[in-house]
Amino acid sequence: MALPSSGQITINQIHVEAGGGSGSQAALNDADIRAMIGKGSTAQNAFNEYYGVSAAAPTGTYKGRTSTTGNGFPSGFVTLSSGTKIVVVTLQLAGPNNTYVTLGGTNMTQACKVDTVSPNSGIWQAQPTSAVYYLVTSTSGSTYVTGNGGSGRSVAHIWEITGYNSSTPTATATAQNTNTSSYSKTISLSTQYNGITIGSGVTEDTNPAGSVTVSNSDSLQQIDLEGATNHYSWRDQGTSLGTTSYNCNQNNPASNIVSGSTIQQLAAAHWK
């Protein structure tokens, strides 16, 4: 359970959250207490830095992907683990018009989405979609994922998050590359200490296939479809407190759409 987000906060409350016994001796410089906000030994810290802090350290597990090279949503089955968890679905769709995703017949919550293209930007004008959806569920076993949107070459990547403090993302962000001379784009969002970020990206095809990189990620899943687009999803687990930036680099683009052009549609959500 997280510490209070405002008002009075005591060293005993902080110590208990860190795993200590209530009423036992503690100080702000104790290693277990400092670890909750990522502070080093003897580093200056204050009581107000512990507002809303939790000792929880969520973990994310990749469960697989569904895909299609035809029109429509990349519907398919994913095998979910037992127990209560947050299921996160990241979308990388060719084309816009996505408004919903369902998991086992239950509507998921949209955390963030980008599906617009700046006019006259020089990038591919097909309005690819990048989005993050989530749902707290105890559903397990083979489960159907479906939704709307997509007009060919579309992918959904599925993750599970356990050990979380709150099912609602603490931060979300979207970003878009409209610079035809650059093959990378950075997306930044506010992260909690020991939190987890799940991100989504769609870009022009890479050469060789599967050569997208994402800085600060510790797990990257990607697939190139029909020599035209790369669809990827990443995880950053055990994040630092502050702003974390993820540079999504489309290494050596194939330039199959317009010579010298690039697509980067990015969306990311963070949990603690």
C-alpha atoms as a PDB file:
ATOM      1  CA  MET A   1       0.000   0.000   0.000  1.00  0.00           C
ATOM      2  CA  ALA A   2       1.388   3.391  -0.976  1.00  0.00           C
ATOM      3  CA  LEU A   3       2.266   6.098   1.529  1.00  0.00           C
ATOM      4  CA  PRO A   4      -0.066   9.125   1.840  1.00  0.00           C
ATOM      5  CA  SER A   5       0.141  11.521  -1.097  1.00  0.00           C
ATOM      6  CA  SER A   6      -0.274  14.630   1.062  1.00  0.00           C
ATOM      7  CA  GLY A   7      -0.497  15.811   4.667  1.00  0.00           C
ATOM      8  CA  GLN A   8       1.414  14.401   7.615  1.00  0.00           C
ATOM      9  CA  ILE A   9       3.786  11.522   7.045  1.00  0.00           C
ATOM     10  CA  THR A  10       5.935   9.863   9.706  1.00  0.00           C
ATOM     11  CA  ILE A  11       9.206   7.955   9.701  1.00  0.00           C
ATOM     12  CA  ASN A  12       7.311   4.974  11.126  1.00  0.00           C
ATOM     13  CA  GLN A  13       4.921   4.949   8.156  1.00  0.00           C
ATOM     14  CA  ILE A  14       7.849   5.121   5.759  1.00  0.00           C
ATOM     15  CA  HIS A  15       9.691   2.345   7.590  1.00  0.00           C
ATOM     16  CA  VAL A  16       6.655   0.044   7.575  1.00  0.00           C
ATOM     17  CA  GLU A  17       6.187   0.615   3.839  1.00  0.00           C
ATOM     18  CA  ALA A  18       9.834  -0.330   3.327  1.00  0.00           C
ATOM     19  CA  GLY A  19       9.190  -3.603   5.141  1.00  0.00           C
ATOM     20  CA  GLY A  20      10.267  -2.684   8.678  1.00  0.00           C
ATOM     21  CA  GLY A  21       8.418  -3.391  11.895  1.00  0.00           C
ATOM     22  CA  SER A  22       6.083  -0.747  13.281  1.00  0.00           C
ATOM     23  CA  GLY A  23       7.652   1.137  16.197  1.00  0.00           C
ATOM     24  CA  SER A  24      11.188  -0.092  15.491  1.00  0.00           C
ATOM     25  CA  GLN A  25      14.080   2.311  15.146  1.00  0.00           C
ATOM     26  CA  ALA A  26      14.506   3.881  11.713  1.00  0.00           C
ATOM     27  CA  ALA A  27      16.063   6.869   9.949  1.00  0.00           C
ATOM     28  CA  LEU A  28      15.687   8.424   6.515  1.00  0.00           C
ATOM     29  CA  ASN A  29      19.244   7.361   5.654  1.00  0.00           C
ATOM     30  CA  ASP A  30      18.510   3.657   6.211  1.00  0.00           C
ATOM     31  CA  ALA A  31      19.217   1.675   3.057  1.00  0.00           C
ATOM     32  CA  ASP A  32      15.751   0.099   2.808  1.00  0.00           C
ATOM     33  CA  ILE A  33      14.079   3.496   3.147  1.00  0.00           C
ATOM     34  CA  ARG A  34      16.376   5.269   0.667  1.00  0.00           C
ATOM     35  CA  ALA A  35      15.842   2.472  -1.843  1.00  0.00           C
ATOM     36  CA  MET A  36      12.150   3.339  -2.190  1.00  0.00           C
ATOM     37  CA  ILE A  37      13.053   6.645  -3.854  1.00  0.00           C
ATOM     38  CA  GLY A  38      16.352   5.572  -5.368  1.00  0.00           C
ATOM     39  CA  LYS A  39      18.602   7.700  -3.150  1.00  0.00           C
ATOM     40  CA  GLY A  40      22.220   6.782  -2.486  1.00  0.00           C
ATOM     41  CA  SER A  41      23.894   6.598   0.928  1.00  0.00           C
ATOM     42  CA  THR A  42      24.043   9.980   2.756  1.00  0.00           C
ATOM     43  CA  ALA A  43      22.161  11.654  -0.125  1.00  0.00           C
ATOM     44  CA  GLN A  44      19.907  14.444   1.094  1.00  0.00           C
ATOM     45  CA  ASN A  45      16.240  13.502   1.217  1.00  0.00           C
ATOM     46  CA  ALA A  46      13.111  14.859   2.840  1.00  0.00           C
ATOM     47  CA  PHE A  47       9.788  13.552   4.120  1.00  0.00           C
ATOM     48  CA  ASN A  48       7.844  15.106   1.235  1.00  0.00           C
ATOM     49  CA  GLU A  49       9.833  13.019  -1.259  1.00  0.00           C
ATOM     50  CA  TYR A  50       8.030   9.950   0.093  1.00  0.00           C
ATOM     51  CA  TYR A  51       4.508  11.167  -0.708  1.00  0.00           C
ATOM     52  CA  GLY A  52       2.672   8.446  -2.616  1.00  0.00           C
ATOM     53  CA  VAL A  53       5.725   6.158  -2.676  1.00  0.00           C
ATOM     54  CA  SER A  54       5.250   2.413  -2.586  1.00  0.00           C
ATOM     55  CA  ALA A  55       7.707  -0.418  -2.045  1.00  0.00           C
ATOM     56  CA  ALA A  56       5.901  -2.379  -4.760  1.00  0.00           C
ATOM     57  CA  ALA A  57       8.077  -3.329  -7.737  1.00  0.00           C
ATOM     58  CA  PRO A  58       5.807  -4.512 -10.567  1.00  0.00           C
ATOM     59  CA  THR A  59       7.108  -7.002 -13.111  1.00  0.00           C
ATOM     60  CA  GLY A  60       6.073  -7.450 -16.725  1.00  0.00           C
ATOM     61  CA  THR A  61       5.946 -10.677 -18.712  1.00  0.00           C
ATOM     62  CA  TYR A  62       5.595 -10.874 -22.478  1.00  0.00           C
ATOM     63  CA  LYS A  63       2.787 -13.241 -23.513  1.00  0.00           C
ATOM     64  CA  GLY A  64       2.969 -13.086 -27.298  1.00  0.00           C
ATOM     65  CA  ARG A  65       1.545 -11.297 -30.315  1.00  0.00           C
ATOM     66  CA  THR A  66      -1.305 -11.516 -32.797  1.00  0.00           C
ATOM     67  CA  SER A  67      -0.929 -10.180 -36.334  1.00  0.00           C
ATOM     68  CA  THR A  68      -2.532  -9.836 -39.743  1.00  0.00           C
ATOM     69  CA  THR A  69      -1.408  -8.763 -43.194  1.00  0.00           C
ATOM     70  CA  GLY A  70      -4.993  -8.212 -44.336  1.00  0.00           C
ATOM     71  CA  ASN A  71      -7.492  -5.490 -43.584  1.00  0.00           C
ATOM     72  CA  GLY A  72      -8.944  -5.341 -40.098  1.00  0.00           C
ATOM     73  CA  PHE A  73      -7.822  -5.824 -36.521  1.00  0.00           C
ATOM     74  CA  PRO A  74      -5.126  -8.432 -35.718  1.00  0.00           C
ATOM     75  CA  SER A  75      -7.513 -10.602 -33.711  1.00  0.00           C
ATOM     76  CA  GLY A  76      -6.267 -13.789 -32.109  1.00  0.00           C
ATOM     77  CA  PHE A  77      -5.779 -15.869 -28.988  1.00  0.00           C
ATOM     78  CA  VAL A  78      -3.224 -15.366 -26.210  1.00  0.00           C
ATOM     79  CA  THR A  79      -2.559 -17.692 -23.274  1.00  0.00           C
ATOM     80  CA  LEU A  80      -2.837 -15.800 -19.971  1.00  0.00           C
ATOM     81  CA  SER A  81      -1.440 -16.831 -16.592  1.00  0.00           C
ATOM     82  CA  SER A  82      -3.571 -17.656 -13.552  1.00  0.00           C
ATOM     83  CA  GLY A  83      -4.222 -15.041 -10.869  1.00  0.00           C
ATOM     84  CA  THR A  84      -5.112 -11.369 -10.962  1.00  0.00           C
ATOM     85  CA  LYS A  85      -2.900  -9.184 -13.151  1.00  0.00           C
ATOM     86  CA  ILE A  86      -2.926  -6.203 -15.480  1.00  0.00           C
ATOM     87  CA  VAL A  87      -3.053  -7.342 -19.080  1.00  0.00           C
ATOM     88  CA  VAL A  88      -1.547  -4.745 -21.420  1.00  0.00           C
ATOM     89  CA  VAL A  89      -2.188  -4.814 -25.163  1.00  0.00           C
ATOM     90  CA  THR A  90      -0.038  -2.586 -27.373  1.00  0.00           C
ATOM     91  CA  LEU A  91      -1.314  -1.912 -30.881  1.00  0.00           C
ATOM     92  CA  GLN A  92       0.648  -1.148 -34.016  1.00  0.00           C
ATOM     93  CA  LEU A  93      -1.986  -0.848 -36.728  1.00  0.00           C
ATOM     94  CA  ALA A  94      -1.734   0.147 -40.370  1.00  0.00           C
ATOM     95  CA  GLY A  95      -4.315   2.900 -40.538  1.00  0.00           C
ATOM     96  CA  PRO A  96      -6.449   4.798 -37.983  1.00  0.00           C
ATOM     97  CA  ASN A  97     -10.025   4.341 -36.691  1.00  0.00           C
ATOM     98  CA  ASN A  98      -9.230   2.250 -33.625  1.00  0.00           C
ATOM     99  CA  THR A  99     -11.651   3.004 -30.782  1.00  0.00           C
ATOM    100  CA  TYR A 100     -11.752  -0.183 -28.693  1.00  0.00           C
ATOM    101  CA  VAL A 101     -10.046  -3.435 -27.766  1.00  0.00           C
ATOM    102  CA  THR A 102     -11.675  -6.347 -25.936  1.00  0.00           C
ATOM    103  CA  LEU A 103      -9.995  -9.133 -23.990  1.00  0.00           C
ATOM    104  CA  GLY A 104     -12.122 -12.229 -23.573  1.00  0.00           C
ATOM    105  CA  GLY A 105     -15.185 -10.140 -24.432  1.00  0.00           C
ATOM    106  CA  THR A 106     -14.430  -7.405 -21.854  1.00  0.00           C
ATOM    107  CA  ASN A 107     -13.644  -3.863 -22.969  1.00  0.00           C
ATOM    108  CA  MET A 108     -10.129  -2.724 -22.109  1.00  0.00           C
ATOM    109  CA  THR A 109      -9.209   0.830 -21.046  1.00  0.00           C
ATOM    110  CA  GLN A 110      -7.258   2.952 -23.494  1.00  0.00           C
ATOM    111  CA  ALA A 111      -4.202   4.468 -21.803  1.00  0.00           C
ATOM    112  CA  CYS A 112      -2.940   6.432 -24.819  1.00  0.00           C
ATOM    113  CA  LYS A 113      -3.080   6.468 -28.605  1.00  0.00           C
ATOM    114  CA  VAL A 114      -1.622   8.338 -31.583  1.00  0.00           C
ATOM    115  CA  ASP A 115      -3.012   7.878 -35.095  1.00  0.00           C
ATOM    116  CA  THR A 116      -2.627  11.257 -36.799  1.00  0.00           C
ATOM    117  CA  VAL A 117      -0.084  12.487 -39.314  1.00  0.00           C
ATOM    118  CA  SER A 118       0.964  16.118 -39.591  1.00  0.00           C
ATOM    119  CA  PRO A 119      -0.096  17.574 -42.963  1.00  0.00           C
ATOM    120  CA  ASN A 120       2.647  18.005 -45.549  1.00  0.00           C
ATOM    121  CA  SER A 121       5.213  16.415 -43.246  1.00  0.00           C
ATOM    122  CA  GLY A 122       6.671  14.209 -45.951  1.00  0.00           C
ATOM    123  CA  ILE A 123       6.161  11.025 -43.945  1.00  0.00           C
ATOM    124  CA  TRP A 124       3.882   8.194 -44.913  1.00  0.00           C
ATOM    125  CA  GLN A 125       0.330   9.555 -44.911  1.00  0.00           C
ATOM    126  CA  ALA A 126      -1.472   6.290 -44.049  1.00  0.00           C
ATOM    127  CA  GLN A 127      -2.019   7.347 -40.399  1.00  0.00           C
ATOM    128  CA  PRO A 128      -0.641   4.264 -38.616  1.00  0.00           C
ATOM    129  CA  THR A 129      -1.884   3.735 -35.068  1.00  0.00           C
ATOM    130  CA  SER A 130       0.194   3.155 -31.950  1.00  0.00           C
ATOM    131  CA  ALA A 131      -1.783   2.594 -28.751  1.00  0.00           C
ATOM    132  CA  VAL A 132      -1.680   1.059 -25.267  1.00  0.00           C
ATOM    133  CA  TYR A 133      -4.718  -0.611 -23.655  1.00  0.00           C
ATOM    134  CA  TYR A 134      -4.982  -2.312 -20.250  1.00  0.00           C
ATOM    135  CA  LEU A 135      -7.353  -4.382 -18.110  1.00  0.00           C
ATOM    136  CA  VAL A 136      -7.202  -5.898 -14.626  1.00  0.00           C
ATOM    137  CA  THR A 137      -8.420  -9.467 -14.906  1.00  0.00           C
ATOM    138  CA  SER A 138      -8.193 -12.940 -13.396  1.00  0.00           C
ATOM    139  CA  THR A 139      -8.989 -14.571 -16.748  1.00  0.00           C
ATOM    140  CA  SER A 140      -6.526 -17.331 -17.560  1.00  0.00           C
ATOM    141  CA  GLY A 141      -5.785 -19.756 -20.365  1.00  0.00           C
ATOM    142  CA  SER A 142      -6.489 -19.171 -24.043  1.00  0.00           C
ATOM    143  CA  THR A 143      -8.196 -15.773 -24.353  1.00  0.00           C
ATOM    144  CA  TYR A 144      -9.399 -13.934 -27.459  1.00  0.00           C
ATOM    145  CA  VAL A 145      -8.161 -10.430 -28.254  1.00  0.00           C
ATOM    146  CA  THR A 146     -10.049  -8.330 -30.780  1.00  0.00           C
ATOM    147  CA  GLY A 147     -10.973  -4.726 -31.576  1.00  0.00           C
ATOM    148  CA  ASN A 148     -11.430  -2.368 -34.498  1.00  0.00           C
ATOM    149  CA  GLY A 149      -9.231  -0.396 -36.862  1.00  0.00           C
ATOM    150  CA  GLY A 150      -6.390  -1.588 -39.038  1.00  0.00           C
ATOM    151  CA  SER A 151      -6.035  -1.740 -42.795  1.00  0.00           C
ATOM    152  CA  GLY A 152      -3.344  -4.344 -43.327  1.00  0.00           C
ATOM    153  CA  ARG A 153      -0.014  -5.232 -41.663  1.00  0.00           C
ATOM    154  CA  SER A 154      -1.212  -4.830 -38.068  1.00  0.00           C
ATOM    155  CA  VAL A 155       0.066  -6.301 -34.787  1.00  0.00           C
ATOM    156  CA  ALA A 156      -0.987  -6.522 -31.132  1.00  0.00           C
ATOM    157  CA  HIS A 157       1.640  -7.360 -28.499  1.00  0.00           C
ATOM    158  CA  ILE A 158       0.376  -8.664 -25.146  1.00  0.00           C
ATOM    159  CA  TRP A 159       2.022  -8.288 -21.710  1.00  0.00           C
ATOM    160  CA  GLU A 160       1.068  -9.149 -18.118  1.00  0.00           C
ATOM    161  CA  ILE A 161       1.975  -6.957 -15.116  1.00  0.00           C
ATOM    162  CA  THR A 162       1.988  -8.372 -11.582  1.00  0.00           C
ATOM    163  CA  GLY A 163       3.097  -6.974  -8.221  1.00  0.00           C
ATOM    164  CA  TYR A 164       1.685  -3.535  -8.987  1.00  0.00           C
ATOM    165  CA  ASN A 165       0.444  -0.987  -6.498  1.00  0.00           C
ATOM    166  CA  SER A 166      -2.140   0.682  -8.749  1.00  0.00           C
ATOM    167  CA  SER A 167      -3.842  -0.646 -11.867  1.00  0.00           C
ATOM    168  CA  THR A 168      -4.111   2.871 -13.312  1.00  0.00           C
ATOM    169  CA  PRO A 169      -1.043   4.159 -15.174  1.00  0.00           C
ATOM    170  CA  THR A 170       0.800   6.910 -13.298  1.00  0.00           C
ATOM    171  CA  ALA A 171       1.892   8.502 -16.589  1.00  0.00           C
ATOM    172  CA  THR A 172       1.312   8.174 -20.328  1.00  0.00           C
ATOM    173  CA  ALA A 173       2.858   9.770 -23.412  1.00  0.00           C
ATOM    174  CA  THR A 174       2.729   9.753 -27.210  1.00  0.00           C
ATOM    175  CA  ALA A 175       5.226  10.976 -29.791  1.00  0.00           C
ATOM    176  CA  GLN A 176       5.535  11.163 -33.552  1.00  0.00           C
ATOM    177  CA  ASN A 177       8.441  11.574 -35.945  1.00  0.00           C
ATOM    178  CA  THR A 178       7.767  14.111 -38.684  1.00  0.00           C
ATOM    179  CA  ASN A 179      11.424  14.746 -39.509  1.00  0.00           C
ATOM    180  CA  THR A 180      12.159  12.988 -42.775  1.00  0.00           C
ATOM    181  CA  SER A 181      15.924  13.374 -42.280  1.00  0.00           C
ATOM    182  CA  SER A 182      15.947  11.541 -38.946  1.00  0.00           C
ATOM    183  CA  TYR A 183      15.375   7.857 -38.340  1.00  0.00           C
ATOM    184  CA  SER A 184      14.818   8.044 -34.584  1.00  0.00           C
ATOM    185  CA  LYS A 185      12.357   9.587 -32.162  1.00  0.00           C
ATOM    186  CA  THR A 186      12.446  10.000 -28.385  1.00  0.00           C
ATOM    187  CA  ILE A 187       9.398   9.591 -26.157  1.00  0.00           C
ATOM    188  CA  SER A 188       9.643  10.718 -22.512  1.00  0.00           C
ATOM    189  CA  LEU A 189       7.386  10.242 -19.513  1.00  0.00           C
ATOM    190  CA  SER A 190       7.458  10.599 -15.736  1.00  0.00           C
ATOM    191  CA  THR A 191       8.504   7.342 -14.064  1.00  0.00           C
ATOM    192  CA  GLN A 192       8.371   6.080 -10.486  1.00  0.00           C
ATOM    193  CA  TYR A 193      11.194   4.336  -8.679  1.00  0.00           C
ATOM    194  CA  ASN A 194      11.002   0.596  -9.429  1.00  0.00           C
ATOM    195  CA  GLY A 195       8.054   1.125 -11.755  1.00  0.00           C
ATOM    196  CA  ILE A 196       7.428  -0.376 -15.188  1.00  0.00           C
ATOM    197  CA  THR A 197       6.915   1.184 -18.614  1.00  0.00           C
ATOM    198  CA  ILE A 198       5.290  -0.613 -21.543  1.00  0.00           C
ATOM    199  CA  GLY A 199       5.643   1.067 -24.928  1.00  0.00           C
ATOM    200  CA  SER A 200       4.419   0.661 -28.497  1.00  0.00           C
ATOM    201  CA  GLY A 201       5.926   1.737 -31.823  1.00  0.00           C
ATOM    202  CA  VAL A 202       5.275   1.386 -35.528  1.00  0.00           C
ATOM    203  CA  THR A 203       7.734   2.494 -38.177  1.00  0.00           C
ATOM    204  CA  GLU A 204       8.788   1.944 -41.761  1.00  0.00           C
ATOM    205  CA  ASP A 205      10.443  -1.395 -42.453  1.00  0.00           C
ATOM    206  CA  THR A 206      14.038  -1.892 -41.312  1.00  0.00           C
ATOM    207  CA  ASN A 207      16.945  -3.437 -43.167  1.00  0.00           C
ATOM    208  CA  PRO A 208      17.863  -5.987 -42.011  1.00  0.00           C
ATOM    209  CA  ALA A 209      14.500  -6.918 -40.546  1.00  0.00           C
ATOM    210  CA  GLY A 210      14.122  -6.540 -36.808  1.00  0.00           C
ATOM    211  CA  SER A 211      16.780  -3.874 -36.318  1.00  0.00           C
ATOM    212  CA  VAL A 212      14.784  -1.301 -34.336  1.00  0.00           C
ATOM    213  CA  THR A 213      16.417  -0.431 -30.985  1.00  0.00           C
ATOM    214  CA  VAL A 214      14.896   1.300 -27.946  1.00  0.00           C
ATOM    215  CA  SER A 215      17.166   2.868 -25.337  1.00  0.00           C
ATOM    216  CA  ASN A 216      16.505   2.115 -21.651  1.00  0.00           C
ATOM    217  CA  SER A 217      14.360  -0.908 -22.531  1.00  0.00           C
ATOM    218  CA  ASP A 218      15.128  -4.305 -21.028  1.00  0.00           C
ATOM    219  CA  SER A 219      12.836  -6.305 -23.317  1.00  0.00           C
ATOM    220  CA  LEU A 220      12.035  -5.496 -26.954  1.00  0.00           C
ATOM    221  CA  GLN A 221       9.623  -7.465 -29.143  1.00  0.00           C
ATOM    222  CA  GLN A 222       9.413  -6.655 -32.868  1.00  0.00           C
ATOM    223  CA  ILE A 223       8.321  -8.031 -36.210  1.00  0.00           C
ATOM    224  CA  ASP A 224       8.654  -6.775 -39.797  1.00  0.00           C
ATOM    225  CA  LEU A 225       5.652  -7.473 -42.012  1.00  0.00           C
ATOM    226  CA  GLU A 226       5.685  -7.745 -45.813  1.00  0.00           C
ATOM    227  CA  GLY A 227       8.894  -5.731 -46.119  1.00  0.00           C
ATOM    228  CA  ALA A 228       6.911  -2.568 -45.395  1.00  0.00           C
ATOM    229  CA  THR A 229       6.525  -1.851 -41.669  1.00  0.00           C
ATOM    230  CA  ASN A 230       8.146  -2.765 -38.350  1.00  0.00           C
ATOM    231  CA  HIS A 231       5.853  -3.246 -35.334  1.00  0.00           C
ATOM    232  CA  TYR A 232       7.424  -3.278 -31.885  1.00  0.00           C
ATOM    233  CA  SER A 233       6.719  -3.174 -28.163  1.00  0.00           C
ATOM    234  CA  TRP A 234       9.129  -2.658 -25.285  1.00  0.00           C
ATOM    235  CA  ARG A 235       9.336  -2.996 -21.505  1.00  0.00           C
ATOM    236  CA  ASP A 236      11.437  -1.017 -19.024  1.00  0.00           C
ATOM    237  CA  GLN A 237      11.287  -2.616 -15.570  1.00  0.00           C
ATOM    238  CA  GLY A 238      12.779  -1.223 -12.347  1.00  0.00           C
ATOM    239  CA  THR A 239      12.701   2.385 -13.538  1.00  0.00           C
ATOM    240  CA  SER A 240      14.315   5.369 -11.849  1.00  0.00           C
ATOM    241  CA  LEU A 241      12.405   8.202 -10.203  1.00  0.00           C
ATOM    242  CA  GLY A 242      12.078  11.184 -12.539  1.00  0.00           C
ATOM    243  CA  THR A 243      11.760  11.539 -16.305  1.00  0.00           C
ATOM    244  CA  THR A 244      12.812   8.564 -18.424  1.00  0.00           C
ATOM    245  CA  SER A 245      13.394   8.939 -22.156  1.00  0.00           C
ATOM    246  CA  TYR A 246      13.230   6.133 -24.697  1.00  0.00           C
ATOM    247  CA  ASN A 247      15.020   6.752 -27.986  1.00  0.00           C
ATOM    248  CA  CYS A 248      13.384   4.583 -30.641  1.00  0.00           C
ATOM    249  CA  ASN A 249      15.853   4.177 -33.474  1.00  0.00           C
ATOM    250  CA  GLN A 250      14.847   2.854 -36.865  1.00  0.00           C
ATOM    251  CA  ASN A 251      18.248   1.583 -37.901  1.00  0.00           C
ATOM    252  CA  ASN A 252      18.867   1.596 -41.654  1.00  0.00           C
ATOM    253  CA  PRO A 253      15.269   2.014 -42.907  1.00  0.00           C
ATOM    254  CA  ALA A 254      14.338   0.159 -46.056  1.00  0.00           C
ATOM    255  CA  SER A 255      12.674   3.289 -47.538  1.00  0.00           C
ATOM    256  CA  ASN A 256       9.990   1.299 -49.303  1.00  0.00           C
ATOM    257  CA  ILE A 257       7.319   3.989 -48.922  1.00  0.00           C
ATOM    258  CA  VAL A 258       9.021   7.235 -49.951  1.00  0.00           C
ATOM    259  CA  SER A 259      12.767   7.401 -50.397  1.00  0.00           C
ATOM    260  CA  GLY A 260      14.354   9.029 -47.356  1.00  0.00           C
ATOM    261  CA  SER A 261      11.125   9.109 -45.354  1.00  0.00           C
ATOM    262  CA  THR A 262      10.353   7.484 -42.036  1.00  0.00           C
ATOM    263  CA  ILE A 263       7.438   6.726 -39.726  1.00  0.00           C
ATOM    264  CA  GLN A 264       7.576   6.763 -35.957  1.00  0.00           C
ATOM    265  CA  GLN A 265       4.272   6.534 -34.084  1.00  0.00           C
ATOM    266  CA  LEU A 266       4.944   5.978 -30.374  1.00  0.00           C
ATOM    267  CA  ALA A 267       2.796   5.445 -27.267  1.00  0.00           C
ATOM    268  CA  ALA A 268       3.846   4.441 -23.737  1.00  0.00           C
ATOM    269  CA  ALA A 269       2.305   3.973 -20.287  1.00  0.00           C
ATOM    270  CA  HIS A 270       3.894   3.613 -16.848  1.00  0.00           C
ATOM    271  CA  TRP A 271       2.705   1.657 -13.807  1.00  0.00           C
ATOM    272  CA  LYS A 272       3.842   1.405 -10.197  1.00  0.00           C
END
